[in-house]
Amino acid sequence: MFDFTPVGAGIALAGFAFLVFGWRLLPHRKGAASMDAAFNLEGFTTEVSVPQGSPAVGITVKALEELGENEIEVITLLSRPAMW
């Protein structure tokens, strides 16, 4: 049961030593980004599934983009046949 203890203890001690002392060896970032820049979501891609009965069912892609005040862009449409 303790066959790997020496190796695991050595790795744990090395990791602990790095956390205590070794972080100073890492290069410093110059001009760190502000919080606003870090959470900038421009160019974010996501996938959306539109359920049956949604107001978005049956409208055109252009109308959907206008509904999003032209802040969204539909790249691809995938349609699945109705299950029922």
C-alpha atoms as a PDB file:
ATOM      1  CA  MET A   1       0.000   0.000   0.000  1.00  0.00           C
ATOM      2  CA  PHE A   2       2.867   2.375   0.693  1.00  0.00           C
ATOM      3  CA  ASP A   3       5.041   1.400  -2.282  1.00  0.00           C
ATOM      4  CA  PHE A   4       4.672   4.838  -3.878  1.00  0.00           C
ATOM      5  CA  THR A   5       5.024   6.843  -0.651  1.00  0.00           C
ATOM      6  CA  PRO A   6       8.693   7.840  -1.153  1.00  0.00           C
ATOM      7  CA  VAL A   7       8.045   9.112  -4.679  1.00  0.00           C
ATOM      8  CA  GLY A   8       4.792  10.831  -3.737  1.00  0.00           C
ATOM      9  CA  ALA A   9       6.311  12.451  -0.654  1.00  0.00           C
ATOM     10  CA  GLY A  10       9.259  13.706  -2.723  1.00  0.00           C
ATOM     11  CA  ILE A  11       6.979  15.235  -5.350  1.00  0.00           C
ATOM     12  CA  ALA A  12       4.768  16.777  -2.651  1.00  0.00           C
ATOM     13  CA  LEU A  13       7.788  18.327  -0.915  1.00  0.00           C
ATOM     14  CA  ALA A  14       9.118  19.667  -4.233  1.00  0.00           C
ATOM     15  CA  GLY A  15       5.718  21.199  -4.997  1.00  0.00           C
ATOM     16  CA  PHE A  16       5.484  22.742  -1.558  1.00  0.00           C
ATOM     17  CA  ALA A  17       9.007  24.182  -1.888  1.00  0.00           C
ATOM     18  CA  PHE A  18       8.073  25.715  -5.242  1.00  0.00           C
ATOM     19  CA  LEU A  19       4.931  27.271  -3.800  1.00  0.00           C
ATOM     20  CA  VAL A  20       6.902  28.778  -0.917  1.00  0.00           C
ATOM     21  CA  PHE A  21      10.097  29.877  -2.702  1.00  0.00           C
ATOM     22  CA  GLY A  22      10.054  29.045  -6.408  1.00  0.00           C
ATOM     23  CA  TRP A  23       7.297  31.435  -7.476  1.00  0.00           C
ATOM     24  CA  ARG A  24       9.885  34.224  -7.297  1.00  0.00           C
ATOM     25  CA  LEU A  25      11.701  32.629 -10.248  1.00  0.00           C
ATOM     26  CA  LEU A  26       8.728  33.158 -12.570  1.00  0.00           C
ATOM     27  CA  PRO A  27       8.965  36.177 -14.904  1.00  0.00           C
ATOM     28  CA  HIS A  28       6.923  39.207 -13.919  1.00  0.00           C
ATOM     29  CA  ARG A  29       4.133  40.347 -16.192  1.00  0.00           C
ATOM     30  CA  LYS A  30       4.498  43.834 -17.513  1.00  0.00           C
ATOM     31  CA  GLY A  31       1.343  45.850 -18.017  1.00  0.00           C
ATOM     32  CA  ALA A  32      -1.092  43.425 -16.452  1.00  0.00           C
ATOM     33  CA  ALA A  33      -4.550  43.672 -17.976  1.00  0.00           C
ATOM     34  CA  SER A  34      -7.286  45.442 -16.082  1.00  0.00           C
ATOM     35  CA  MET A  35     -10.322  43.535 -14.879  1.00  0.00           C
ATOM     36  CA  ASP A  36     -12.413  45.002 -17.730  1.00  0.00           C
ATOM     37  CA  ALA A  37      -9.931  43.733 -20.318  1.00  0.00           C
ATOM     38  CA  ALA A  38      -9.708  40.332 -18.626  1.00  0.00           C
ATOM     39  CA  PHE A  39     -13.473  39.841 -18.928  1.00  0.00           C
ATOM     40  CA  ASN A  40     -13.810  41.215 -22.460  1.00  0.00           C
ATOM     41  CA  LEU A  41     -16.179  38.887 -24.320  1.00  0.00           C
ATOM     42  CA  GLU A  42     -15.850  40.243 -27.858  1.00  0.00           C
ATOM     43  CA  GLY A  43     -15.432  37.456 -30.338  1.00  0.00           C
ATOM     44  CA  PHE A  44     -16.966  34.876 -27.994  1.00  0.00           C
ATOM     45  CA  THR A  45     -18.566  31.896 -29.709  1.00  0.00           C
ATOM     46  CA  THR A  46     -21.338  29.812 -28.204  1.00  0.00           C
ATOM     47  CA  GLU A  47     -23.904  27.234 -29.225  1.00  0.00           C
ATOM     48  CA  VAL A  48     -27.603  27.796 -28.607  1.00  0.00           C
ATOM     49  CA  SER A  49     -30.439  25.305 -28.784  1.00  0.00           C
ATOM     50  CA  VAL A  50     -33.896  26.705 -29.453  1.00  0.00           C
ATOM     51  CA  PRO A  51     -36.653  24.570 -27.883  1.00  0.00           C
ATOM     52  CA  GLN A  52     -40.039  23.955 -29.444  1.00  0.00           C
ATOM     53  CA  GLY A  53     -42.529  26.663 -28.586  1.00  0.00           C
ATOM     54  CA  SER A  54     -39.875  29.379 -28.322  1.00  0.00           C
ATOM     55  CA  PRO A  55     -40.674  32.776 -29.840  1.00  0.00           C
ATOM     56  CA  ALA A  56     -37.481  32.354 -31.901  1.00  0.00           C
ATOM     57  CA  VAL A  57     -38.915  29.353 -33.771  1.00  0.00           C
ATOM     58  CA  GLY A  58     -39.939  30.296 -37.286  1.00  0.00           C
ATOM     59  CA  ILE A  59     -38.288  33.726 -37.542  1.00  0.00           C
ATOM     60  CA  THR A  60     -35.560  34.483 -40.044  1.00  0.00           C
ATOM     61  CA  VAL A  61     -31.873  34.719 -39.195  1.00  0.00           C
ATOM     62  CA  LYS A  62     -31.914  38.418 -40.086  1.00  0.00           C
ATOM     63  CA  ALA A  63     -34.794  39.030 -37.677  1.00  0.00           C
ATOM     64  CA  LEU A  64     -32.955  37.083 -34.970  1.00  0.00           C
ATOM     65  CA  GLU A  65     -29.801  39.165 -35.451  1.00  0.00           C
ATOM     66  CA  GLU A  66     -31.865  42.383 -35.372  1.00  0.00           C
ATOM     67  CA  LEU A  67     -33.545  41.153 -32.197  1.00  0.00           C
ATOM     68  CA  GLY A  68     -30.053  41.012 -30.673  1.00  0.00           C
ATOM     69  CA  GLU A  69     -29.501  44.616 -31.811  1.00  0.00           C
ATOM     70  CA  ASN A  70     -26.913  43.398 -34.352  1.00  0.00           C
ATOM     71  CA  GLU A  71     -24.584  42.379 -31.500  1.00  0.00           C
ATOM     72  CA  ILE A  72     -24.906  38.710 -32.453  1.00  0.00           C
ATOM     73  CA  GLU A  73     -23.948  36.915 -35.635  1.00  0.00           C
ATOM     74  CA  VAL A  74     -25.405  33.574 -36.644  1.00  0.00           C
ATOM     75  CA  ILE A  75     -22.625  31.510 -38.177  1.00  0.00           C
ATOM     76  CA  THR A  76     -24.244  28.113 -38.694  1.00  0.00           C
ATOM     77  CA  LEU A  77     -27.721  26.650 -38.426  1.00  0.00           C
ATOM     78  CA  LEU A  78     -28.168  23.009 -37.530  1.00  0.00           C
ATOM     79  CA  SER A  79     -31.652  21.586 -37.603  1.00  0.00           C
ATOM     80  CA  ARG A  80     -32.742  18.304 -36.116  1.00  0.00           C
ATOM     81  CA  PRO A  81     -35.929  16.577 -37.189  1.00  0.00           C
ATOM     82  CA  ALA A  82     -38.728  16.694 -34.677  1.00  0.00           C
ATOM     83  CA  MET A  83     -38.642  13.746 -32.326  1.00  0.00           C
ATOM     84  CA  TRP A  84     -42.427  13.431 -32.006  1.00  0.00           C
END
